[in-house]
Amino acid sequence: ARAQRVTPVAATPPGMVVALAATPDPVEPGERVWFTLTYANRTAATVANWKVTATVPEYATVESNQDSGALCNGGTLGCPAGGVLSWTASSLAAGESRSLTYVARVASGASAPPEGVLLRSTATVSSALPGEAAASAQVAVDPSPSIALGVVEDADPVVAGAMLTYTLVLGNSGAVQSAAGV
């Protein structure tokens, strides 16, 4: 006997399309992630009552949603991890699409997500058409230190036979301290 695993897949209603993308990927603690949500009316007629929602990923916060026009719990002063951003559009003409962007800052310090965690946002769209369409986007957390080593000379050009001193410069531009304390 063979074991079977069936995964139900929600059908997207005809005429309604949604897509969600996230950049950069991977992301470091303390950095921002830009989520771009695009929804469209693929029918031959104007469709009314569009409602769009998107979840704020765990370990992230939308600091201000005023620029995107979103509401979170009725306000525009930010949205915490797990919060739901919402937008409305009275109608979309036949073939029309719209895009929204929201920016989430990844937690840092003691609240930073563990390495390899996937930060996922899910968007849903509904309208006067029956049903609902959904899409997800995710980015991986990579809190690796970003170590750089540079070499600086004290003279350029150098006269043949003259003393030349090199200085090594070590730095960490990452969001996490390295094991060596850099």
N, C-alpha and C. Protein backbone atom coordinates (compact mmCIF):
# COMPACT_ATOMS: atom_id res chain seq x y z
N ALA A 1 0.84 -1.19 0.00
CA ALA A 1 0.00 0.00 0.00
C ALA A 1 0.87 1.24 0.00
N ARG A 2 0.48 2.24 -0.75
CA ARG A 2 1.21 3.49 -0.82
C ARG A 2 0.47 4.55 -0.02
N ALA A 3 1.25 5.30 0.73
CA ALA A 3 0.65 6.42 1.46
C ALA A 3 0.48 7.58 0.50
N GLN A 4 -0.59 8.30 0.67
CA GLN A 4 -0.84 9.46 -0.16
C GLN A 4 -1.03 10.69 0.71
N ARG A 5 -0.54 11.77 0.24
CA ARG A 5 -0.75 13.03 0.93
C ARG A 5 -1.41 13.97 -0.05
N VAL A 6 -2.55 14.48 0.34
CA VAL A 6 -3.28 15.39 -0.51
C VAL A 6 -3.23 16.77 0.13
N THR A 7 -2.80 17.74 -0.66
CA THR A 7 -2.74 19.12 -0.19
C THR A 7 -3.80 19.92 -0.93
N PRO A 8 -4.82 20.41 -0.20
CA PRO A 8 -5.85 21.19 -0.89
C PRO A 8 -5.28 22.53 -1.38
N VAL A 9 -5.67 22.92 -2.55
CA VAL A 9 -5.24 24.19 -3.13
C VAL A 9 -6.49 25.01 -3.42
N ALA A 10 -6.51 26.23 -2.90
CA ALA A 10 -7.66 27.11 -3.14
C ALA A 10 -7.64 27.59 -4.57
N ALA A 11 -8.77 27.52 -5.22
CA ALA A 11 -8.88 28.00 -6.59
C ALA A 11 -9.05 29.51 -6.58
N THR A 12 -8.35 30.17 -7.47
CA THR A 12 -8.49 31.61 -7.60
C THR A 12 -9.74 31.88 -8.42
N PRO A 13 -10.62 32.77 -7.94
CA PRO A 13 -11.82 33.07 -8.71
C PRO A 13 -11.46 33.62 -10.08
N PRO A 14 -12.22 33.23 -11.10
CA PRO A 14 -11.94 33.77 -12.43
C PRO A 14 -12.06 35.29 -12.42
N GLY A 15 -11.13 35.94 -13.05
CA GLY A 15 -11.18 37.39 -13.17
C GLY A 15 -10.48 38.16 -12.08
N MET A 16 -10.05 37.48 -11.02
CA MET A 16 -9.38 38.16 -9.90
C MET A 16 -7.95 37.61 -9.79
N VAL A 17 -6.97 38.52 -9.77
CA VAL A 17 -5.57 38.11 -9.71
C VAL A 17 -4.86 38.89 -8.61
N VAL A 18 -3.98 38.22 -7.86
CA VAL A 18 -3.17 38.89 -6.84
C VAL A 18 -1.78 38.29 -6.87
N ALA A 19 -0.77 39.13 -6.67
CA ALA A 19 0.62 38.68 -6.58
C ALA A 19 1.30 39.49 -5.48
N LEU A 20 2.26 38.85 -4.79
CA LEU A 20 2.99 39.51 -3.71
C LEU A 20 4.47 39.17 -3.86
N ALA A 21 5.33 40.19 -3.80
CA ALA A 21 6.77 40.00 -3.91
C ALA A 21 7.45 40.71 -2.75
N ALA A 22 8.63 40.20 -2.33
CA ALA A 22 9.37 40.80 -1.21
C ALA A 22 10.84 40.91 -1.56
N THR A 23 11.46 42.06 -1.21
CA THR A 23 12.90 42.27 -1.42
C THR A 23 13.45 43.09 -0.26
N PRO A 24 14.70 42.93 0.12
CA PRO A 24 15.69 41.99 -0.40
C PRO A 24 15.50 40.60 0.21
N ASP A 25 16.17 39.65 -0.35
CA ASP A 25 16.15 38.28 0.16
C ASP A 25 17.52 37.68 -0.08
N PRO A 26 18.27 37.37 0.98
CA PRO A 26 17.90 37.37 2.39
C PRO A 26 17.95 38.78 2.99
N VAL A 27 17.47 38.86 4.23
CA VAL A 27 17.43 40.12 4.97
C VAL A 27 18.14 39.92 6.31
N GLU A 28 18.74 40.98 6.82
CA GLU A 28 19.41 40.92 8.12
C GLU A 28 18.54 41.59 9.18
N PRO A 29 18.71 41.21 10.45
CA PRO A 29 17.99 41.90 11.51
C PRO A 29 18.24 43.41 11.44
N GLY A 30 17.18 44.19 11.66
CA GLY A 30 17.28 45.65 11.60
C GLY A 30 17.05 46.23 10.22
N GLU A 31 17.09 45.42 9.18
CA GLU A 31 16.87 45.91 7.82
C GLU A 31 15.38 45.99 7.51
N ARG A 32 15.07 46.67 6.41
CA ARG A 32 13.69 46.79 5.94
C ARG A 32 13.44 45.79 4.80
N VAL A 33 12.20 45.32 4.75
CA VAL A 33 11.75 44.45 3.66
C VAL A 33 10.62 45.20 2.94
N TRP A 34 10.70 45.31 1.62
CA TRP A 34 9.67 45.96 0.82
C TRP A 34 8.77 44.87 0.24
N PHE A 35 7.48 44.94 0.57
CA PHE A 35 6.50 44.02 0.02
C PHE A 35 5.68 44.78 -1.01
N THR A 36 5.61 44.24 -2.23
CA THR A 36 4.82 44.86 -3.29
C THR A 36 3.69 43.92 -3.66
N LEU A 37 2.47 44.41 -3.49
CA LEU A 37 1.26 43.64 -3.72
C LEU A 37 0.57 44.21 -4.95
N THR A 38 0.27 43.35 -5.91
CA THR A 38 -0.42 43.78 -7.12
C THR A 38 -1.70 42.97 -7.26
N TYR A 39 -2.79 43.66 -7.50
CA TYR A 39 -4.06 42.96 -7.71
C TYR A 39 -4.71 43.50 -8.98
N ALA A 40 -5.53 42.66 -9.61
CA ALA A 40 -6.06 43.04 -10.92
C ALA A 40 -7.43 42.47 -11.17
N ASN A 41 -8.17 43.19 -12.01
CA ASN A 41 -9.47 42.76 -12.51
C ASN A 41 -9.25 42.24 -13.92
N ARG A 42 -9.39 40.96 -14.13
CA ARG A 42 -9.18 40.36 -15.44
C ARG A 42 -10.51 40.03 -16.14
N THR A 43 -11.58 40.71 -15.72
CA THR A 43 -12.87 40.51 -16.39
C THR A 43 -13.04 41.55 -17.48
N ALA A 44 -14.15 41.46 -18.20
CA ALA A 44 -14.44 42.41 -19.28
C ALA A 44 -15.31 43.56 -18.79
N ALA A 45 -15.53 43.65 -17.47
CA ALA A 45 -16.39 44.70 -16.93
C ALA A 45 -15.78 45.30 -15.66
N THR A 46 -16.24 46.46 -15.28
CA THR A 46 -15.82 47.09 -14.03
C THR A 46 -16.33 46.24 -12.86
N VAL A 47 -15.47 46.05 -11.85
CA VAL A 47 -15.85 45.27 -10.67
C VAL A 47 -15.69 46.17 -9.45
N ALA A 48 -16.69 46.16 -8.56
CA ALA A 48 -16.71 47.04 -7.39
C ALA A 48 -16.30 46.31 -6.10
N ASN A 49 -16.16 47.12 -5.04
CA ASN A 49 -15.96 46.64 -3.66
C ASN A 49 -14.70 45.80 -3.44
N TRP A 50 -13.56 46.31 -3.84
CA TRP A 50 -12.30 45.58 -3.66
C TRP A 50 -11.80 45.78 -2.23
N LYS A 51 -11.45 44.70 -1.60
CA LYS A 51 -10.85 44.71 -0.26
C LYS A 51 -9.56 43.92 -0.32
N VAL A 52 -8.48 44.53 0.16
CA VAL A 52 -7.16 43.92 0.11
C VAL A 52 -6.61 43.88 1.53
N THR A 53 -6.05 42.74 1.94
CA THR A 53 -5.41 42.64 3.25
C THR A 53 -4.04 41.99 3.09
N ALA A 54 -3.15 42.27 4.03
CA ALA A 54 -1.83 41.64 4.06
C ALA A 54 -1.39 41.51 5.52
N THR A 55 -0.79 40.40 5.85
CA THR A 55 -0.32 40.18 7.21
C THR A 55 1.11 40.70 7.36
N VAL A 56 1.41 41.22 8.56
CA VAL A 56 2.77 41.64 8.88
C VAL A 56 3.50 40.41 9.40
N PRO A 57 4.68 40.08 8.84
CA PRO A 57 5.38 38.87 9.25
C PRO A 57 5.78 38.88 10.73
N GLU A 58 5.91 37.69 11.29
CA GLU A 58 6.46 37.54 12.63
C GLU A 58 7.86 38.15 12.63
N TYR A 59 8.29 38.72 13.73
CA TYR A 59 9.61 39.36 13.89
C TYR A 59 9.75 40.63 13.05
N ALA A 60 8.65 41.23 12.62
CA ALA A 60 8.73 42.46 11.82
C ALA A 60 7.63 43.42 12.25
N THR A 61 7.84 44.70 11.94
CA THR A 61 6.87 45.74 12.26
C THR A 61 6.79 46.72 11.09
N VAL A 62 5.58 47.10 10.72
CA VAL A 62 5.40 48.18 9.76
C VAL A 62 5.36 49.44 10.61
N GLU A 63 6.38 50.28 10.48
CA GLU A 63 6.52 51.44 11.36
C GLU A 63 5.50 52.53 11.08
N SER A 64 5.17 52.74 9.82
CA SER A 64 4.15 53.72 9.45
C SER A 64 3.50 53.24 8.18
N ASN A 65 2.20 53.15 8.18
CA ASN A 65 1.49 52.72 6.98
C ASN A 65 0.78 53.88 6.30
N GLN A 66 1.11 55.12 6.69
CA GLN A 66 0.48 56.28 6.07
C GLN A 66 0.79 56.37 4.58
N ASP A 67 2.04 56.07 4.19
CA ASP A 67 2.42 56.19 2.79
C ASP A 67 1.64 55.24 1.90
N SER A 68 1.32 54.05 2.41
CA SER A 68 0.61 53.07 1.59
C SER A 68 -0.90 53.26 1.66
N GLY A 69 -1.38 54.09 2.58
CA GLY A 69 -2.82 54.28 2.73
C GLY A 69 -3.51 53.15 3.46
N ALA A 70 -2.76 52.26 4.07
CA ALA A 70 -3.33 51.11 4.76
C ALA A 70 -3.82 51.47 6.15
N LEU A 71 -4.77 50.70 6.63
CA LEU A 71 -5.19 50.78 8.02
C LEU A 71 -4.74 49.51 8.71
N CYS A 72 -4.35 49.65 9.98
CA CYS A 72 -4.03 48.50 10.81
C CYS A 72 -4.77 48.71 12.13
N ASN A 73 -5.72 47.85 12.40
CA ASN A 73 -6.54 48.01 13.60
C ASN A 73 -7.16 49.41 13.65
N GLY A 74 -7.52 49.96 12.49
CA GLY A 74 -8.18 51.25 12.42
C GLY A 74 -7.27 52.45 12.41
N GLY A 75 -5.96 52.27 12.54
CA GLY A 75 -5.03 53.40 12.59
C GLY A 75 -3.96 53.32 11.54
N THR A 76 -3.17 54.42 11.43
CA THR A 76 -2.10 54.49 10.44
C THR A 76 -0.73 54.71 11.08
N LEU A 77 -0.61 54.47 12.37
CA LEU A 77 0.66 54.76 13.04
C LEU A 77 1.60 53.56 13.12
N GLY A 78 1.34 52.54 12.40
CA GLY A 78 2.20 51.37 12.39
C GLY A 78 1.38 50.12 12.58
N CYS A 79 2.05 48.98 12.41
CA CYS A 79 1.35 47.70 12.52
C CYS A 79 2.34 46.67 13.05
N PRO A 80 2.02 46.00 14.16
CA PRO A 80 2.95 45.06 14.78
C PRO A 80 2.98 43.71 14.05
N ALA A 81 3.94 42.89 14.42
CA ALA A 81 4.02 41.53 13.89
C ALA A 81 2.69 40.83 14.11
N GLY A 82 2.20 40.16 13.08
CA GLY A 82 0.92 39.47 13.16
C GLY A 82 -0.27 40.36 12.86
N GLY A 83 -0.04 41.67 12.76
CA GLY A 83 -1.12 42.60 12.44
C GLY A 83 -1.58 42.42 11.00
N VAL A 84 -2.74 42.97 10.71
CA VAL A 84 -3.30 42.87 9.36
C VAL A 84 -3.51 44.27 8.80
N LEU A 85 -2.83 44.55 7.70
CA LEU A 85 -3.00 45.80 6.97
C LEU A 85 -4.19 45.64 6.04
N SER A 86 -4.97 46.71 5.84
CA SER A 86 -6.13 46.61 4.94
C SER A 86 -6.27 47.87 4.10
N TRP A 87 -6.70 47.65 2.86
CA TRP A 87 -6.95 48.73 1.91
C TRP A 87 -8.30 48.46 1.25
N THR A 88 -8.90 49.49 0.68
CA THR A 88 -10.12 49.31 -0.11
C THR A 88 -10.00 50.12 -1.39
N ALA A 89 -10.70 49.64 -2.40
CA ALA A 89 -10.82 50.37 -3.66
C ALA A 89 -12.27 50.22 -4.09
N SER A 90 -12.91 51.33 -4.44
CA SER A 90 -14.32 51.27 -4.78
C SER A 90 -14.57 50.43 -6.03
N SER A 91 -13.67 50.53 -7.02
CA SER A 91 -13.85 49.72 -8.24
C SER A 91 -12.56 49.66 -9.04
N LEU A 92 -12.48 48.66 -9.87
CA LEU A 92 -11.40 48.52 -10.85
C LEU A 92 -12.05 48.29 -12.21
N ALA A 93 -11.60 49.05 -13.20
CA ALA A 93 -12.13 48.90 -14.56
C ALA A 93 -11.67 47.57 -15.14
N ALA A 94 -12.29 47.16 -16.20
CA ALA A 94 -11.90 45.93 -16.90
C ALA A 94 -10.42 45.99 -17.26
N GLY A 95 -9.67 44.97 -16.87
CA GLY A 95 -8.25 44.89 -17.19
C GLY A 95 -7.35 45.74 -16.31
N GLU A 96 -7.90 46.52 -15.40
CA GLU A 96 -7.09 47.41 -14.55
C GLU A 96 -6.38 46.63 -13.44
N SER A 97 -5.16 47.08 -13.11
CA SER A 97 -4.44 46.52 -11.97
C SER A 97 -3.90 47.67 -11.13
N ARG A 98 -3.67 47.39 -9.85
CA ARG A 98 -3.10 48.38 -8.94
C ARG A 98 -2.04 47.69 -8.09
N SER A 99 -1.07 48.49 -7.66
CA SER A 99 0.00 47.98 -6.81
C SER A 99 0.08 48.78 -5.53
N LEU A 100 0.40 48.11 -4.44
CA LEU A 100 0.59 48.72 -3.12
C LEU A 100 1.93 48.25 -2.60
N THR A 101 2.62 49.12 -1.87
CA THR A 101 3.87 48.72 -1.24
C THR A 101 3.81 49.03 0.23
N TYR A 102 4.23 48.08 1.04
CA TYR A 102 4.36 48.32 2.47
C TYR A 102 5.74 47.84 2.90
N VAL A 103 6.30 48.53 3.89
CA VAL A 103 7.68 48.27 4.31
C VAL A 103 7.68 47.81 5.76
N ALA A 104 8.33 46.69 6.00
CA ALA A 104 8.42 46.13 7.36
C ALA A 104 9.87 46.12 7.80
N ARG A 105 10.12 46.53 9.05
CA ARG A 105 11.47 46.47 9.60
C ARG A 105 11.60 45.19 10.42
N VAL A 106 12.67 44.45 10.15
CA VAL A 106 12.95 43.20 10.86
C VAL A 106 13.50 43.55 12.24
N ALA A 107 13.01 42.85 13.25
CA ALA A 107 13.47 43.07 14.63
C ALA A 107 14.97 42.83 14.72
N SER A 108 15.62 43.53 15.66
CA SER A 108 17.06 43.37 15.85
C SER A 108 17.35 43.21 17.34
N GLY A 109 18.62 43.03 17.67
CA GLY A 109 19.02 42.88 19.06
C GLY A 109 18.45 41.61 19.67
N ALA A 110 18.01 41.69 20.92
CA ALA A 110 17.48 40.53 21.63
C ALA A 110 16.20 40.00 21.00
N SER A 111 15.49 40.83 20.23
CA SER A 111 14.23 40.41 19.59
C SER A 111 14.43 39.89 18.17
N ALA A 112 15.68 39.84 17.70
CA ALA A 112 15.97 39.43 16.32
C ALA A 112 15.53 37.99 16.08
N PRO A 113 15.07 37.71 14.89
CA PRO A 113 14.68 36.34 14.56
C PRO A 113 15.91 35.44 14.44
N PRO A 114 15.75 34.15 14.73
CA PRO A 114 16.87 33.22 14.56
C PRO A 114 17.27 33.11 13.10
N GLU A 115 18.51 32.74 12.88
CA GLU A 115 19.02 32.56 11.52
C GLU A 115 18.18 31.52 10.78
N GLY A 116 17.88 31.81 9.53
CA GLY A 116 17.15 30.87 8.69
C GLY A 116 15.65 30.98 8.77
N VAL A 117 15.13 31.76 9.71
CA VAL A 117 13.68 31.92 9.81
C VAL A 117 13.16 32.57 8.54
N LEU A 118 12.01 32.11 8.08
CA LEU A 118 11.37 32.71 6.91
C LEU A 118 10.31 33.69 7.39
N LEU A 119 10.42 34.92 6.95
CA LEU A 119 9.44 35.95 7.27
C LEU A 119 8.42 35.96 6.13
N ARG A 120 7.17 35.59 6.44
CA ARG A 120 6.15 35.43 5.40
C ARG A 120 5.01 36.42 5.61
N SER A 121 4.58 37.01 4.51
CA SER A 121 3.39 37.85 4.49
C SER A 121 2.41 37.22 3.51
N THR A 122 1.14 37.22 3.86
CA THR A 122 0.11 36.68 2.99
C THR A 122 -0.90 37.78 2.68
N ALA A 123 -1.22 37.91 1.41
CA ALA A 123 -2.18 38.91 0.95
C ALA A 123 -3.43 38.22 0.46
N THR A 124 -4.58 38.83 0.72
CA THR A 124 -5.85 38.33 0.19
C THR A 124 -6.59 39.48 -0.47
N VAL A 125 -7.35 39.14 -1.50
CA VAL A 125 -8.12 40.13 -2.24
C VAL A 125 -9.53 39.57 -2.45
N SER A 126 -10.52 40.41 -2.20
CA SER A 126 -11.90 40.04 -2.50
C SER A 126 -12.57 41.24 -3.16
N SER A 127 -13.69 40.98 -3.80
CA SER A 127 -14.42 42.04 -4.50
C SER A 127 -15.86 41.60 -4.66
N ALA A 128 -16.60 42.28 -5.52
CA ALA A 128 -17.98 41.88 -5.81
C ALA A 128 -18.02 40.54 -6.53
N LEU A 129 -16.88 40.11 -7.07
CA LEU A 129 -16.81 38.77 -7.67
C LEU A 129 -16.88 37.74 -6.55
N PRO A 130 -17.40 36.56 -6.80
CA PRO A 130 -17.45 35.54 -5.75
C PRO A 130 -16.05 35.03 -5.43
N GLY A 131 -15.80 34.71 -4.16
CA GLY A 131 -14.53 34.11 -3.75
C GLY A 131 -13.49 35.12 -3.33
N GLU A 132 -12.29 34.62 -3.16
CA GLU A 132 -11.16 35.40 -2.67
C GLU A 132 -9.89 34.85 -3.30
N ALA A 133 -8.93 35.72 -3.61
CA ALA A 133 -7.63 35.30 -4.14
C ALA A 133 -6.57 35.58 -3.09
N ALA A 134 -5.54 34.75 -3.04
CA ALA A 134 -4.47 34.92 -2.04
C ALA A 134 -3.11 34.67 -2.67
N ALA A 135 -2.10 35.31 -2.08
CA ALA A 135 -0.71 35.12 -2.50
C ALA A 135 0.17 35.34 -1.28
N SER A 136 1.35 34.72 -1.28
CA SER A 136 2.30 34.89 -0.18
C SER A 136 3.68 35.21 -0.73
N ALA A 137 4.47 35.89 0.10
CA ALA A 137 5.86 36.15 -0.23
C ALA A 137 6.66 35.97 1.06
N GLN A 138 7.88 35.51 0.94
CA GLN A 138 8.71 35.32 2.12
C GLN A 138 10.16 35.67 1.82
N VAL A 139 10.87 36.04 2.89
CA VAL A 139 12.31 36.28 2.80
C VAL A 139 12.97 35.53 3.95
N ALA A 140 14.19 35.11 3.73
CA ALA A 140 14.94 34.40 4.76
C ALA A 140 15.76 35.40 5.58
N VAL A 141 15.94 35.08 6.86
CA VAL A 141 16.76 35.90 7.74
C VAL A 141 18.16 35.34 7.74
N ASP A 142 19.13 36.18 7.45
CA ASP A 142 20.54 35.79 7.46
C ASP A 142 21.31 36.79 8.32
N PRO A 143 21.42 36.50 9.63
CA PRO A 143 22.08 37.46 10.51
C PRO A 143 23.60 37.29 10.58
N SER A 144 24.20 36.81 9.51
CA SER A 144 25.64 36.59 9.53
C SER A 144 26.39 37.90 9.63
N PRO A 145 27.49 37.90 10.37
CA PRO A 145 28.34 39.10 10.35
C PRO A 145 28.86 39.33 8.93
N SER A 146 29.07 40.56 8.57
CA SER A 146 29.58 40.89 7.25
C SER A 146 30.98 41.49 7.46
N ILE A 147 31.97 40.62 7.45
CA ILE A 147 33.34 41.01 7.77
C ILE A 147 34.06 41.52 6.52
N ALA A 148 34.79 42.63 6.68
CA ALA A 148 35.57 43.19 5.58
C ALA A 148 37.00 43.44 6.07
N LEU A 149 37.96 43.17 5.20
CA LEU A 149 39.36 43.39 5.52
C LEU A 149 39.95 44.29 4.44
N GLY A 150 40.57 45.37 4.88
CA GLY A 150 41.19 46.30 3.94
C GLY A 150 42.66 46.48 4.25
N VAL A 151 43.43 46.88 3.26
CA VAL A 151 44.86 47.14 3.41
C VAL A 151 45.12 48.57 2.97
N VAL A 152 45.79 49.34 3.85
CA VAL A 152 46.10 50.73 3.55
C VAL A 152 47.61 50.91 3.65
N GLU A 153 48.22 51.53 2.62
CA GLU A 153 49.66 51.80 2.66
C GLU A 153 49.87 53.25 3.06
N ASP A 154 51.02 53.53 3.67
CA ASP A 154 51.26 54.89 4.15
C ASP A 154 51.91 55.80 3.12
N ALA A 155 52.32 55.26 1.98
CA ALA A 155 52.92 56.10 0.95
C ALA A 155 52.59 55.52 -0.42
N ASP A 156 52.32 56.43 -1.35
CA ASP A 156 52.03 55.99 -2.70
C ASP A 156 52.28 57.16 -3.63
N PRO A 157 53.25 57.14 -4.46
CA PRO A 157 54.19 56.05 -4.76
C PRO A 157 55.30 55.96 -3.72
N VAL A 158 56.07 54.89 -3.80
CA VAL A 158 57.17 54.66 -2.87
C VAL A 158 58.48 54.70 -3.65
N VAL A 159 59.46 55.37 -3.07
CA VAL A 159 60.79 55.44 -3.68
C VAL A 159 61.48 54.11 -3.39
N ALA A 160 62.19 53.58 -4.37
CA ALA A 160 62.89 52.31 -4.20
C ALA A 160 63.82 52.39 -2.99
N GLY A 161 63.73 51.38 -2.11
CA GLY A 161 64.57 51.31 -0.92
C GLY A 161 63.96 52.01 0.29
N ALA A 162 62.85 52.75 0.12
CA ALA A 162 62.23 53.47 1.24
C ALA A 162 61.35 52.51 2.05
N MET A 163 61.10 52.90 3.30
CA MET A 163 60.25 52.11 4.20
C MET A 163 58.79 52.29 3.76
N LEU A 164 58.03 51.19 3.76
CA LEU A 164 56.61 51.21 3.43
C LEU A 164 55.87 50.48 4.53
N THR A 165 54.85 51.10 5.08
CA THR A 165 54.08 50.49 6.16
C THR A 165 52.67 50.22 5.68
N TYR A 166 52.19 49.01 5.96
CA TYR A 166 50.81 48.64 5.64
C TYR A 166 50.02 48.55 6.94
N THR A 167 48.76 48.99 6.89
CA THR A 167 47.85 48.88 8.03
C THR A 167 46.66 48.04 7.58
N LEU A 168 46.35 47.01 8.37
CA LEU A 168 45.19 46.18 8.09
C LEU A 168 43.99 46.77 8.83
N VAL A 169 42.89 46.92 8.13
CA VAL A 169 41.67 47.47 8.71
C VAL A 169 40.59 46.39 8.64
N LEU A 170 40.07 46.02 9.81
CA LEU A 170 39.05 44.98 9.90
C LEU A 170 37.74 45.62 10.34
N GLY A 171 36.63 45.28 9.69
CA GLY A 171 35.34 45.86 10.04
C GLY A 171 34.21 44.88 9.87
N ASN A 172 33.09 45.17 10.50
CA ASN A 172 31.88 44.35 10.41
C ASN A 172 30.73 45.29 10.09
N SER A 173 30.21 45.20 8.87
CA SER A 173 29.07 46.04 8.50
C SER A 173 27.76 45.30 8.66
N GLY A 174 27.81 44.07 9.21
CA GLY A 174 26.60 43.29 9.43
C GLY A 174 25.85 43.74 10.66
N ALA A 175 24.68 43.15 10.86
CA ALA A 175 23.83 43.52 11.99
C ALA A 175 24.13 42.68 13.23
N VAL A 176 25.08 41.74 13.11
CA VAL A 176 25.38 40.83 14.21
C VAL A 176 26.88 40.87 14.49
N GLN A 177 27.24 40.83 15.77
CA GLN A 177 28.65 40.79 16.13
C GLN A 177 29.22 39.43 15.78
N SER A 178 30.47 39.41 15.28
CA SER A 178 31.11 38.14 14.94
C SER A 178 31.60 37.47 16.22
N ALA A 179 31.94 36.18 16.11
CA ALA A 179 32.45 35.44 17.26
C ALA A 179 33.76 36.03 17.76
N ALA A 180 34.50 36.71 16.89
CA ALA A 180 35.77 37.31 17.27
C ALA A 180 35.58 38.68 17.93
N GLY A 181 34.33 39.13 18.07
CA GLY A 181 34.06 40.39 18.72
C GLY A 181 34.12 41.59 17.81
N VAL A 182 34.20 41.39 16.51
CA VAL A 182 34.27 42.50 15.55
C VAL A 182 32.88 42.99 15.25
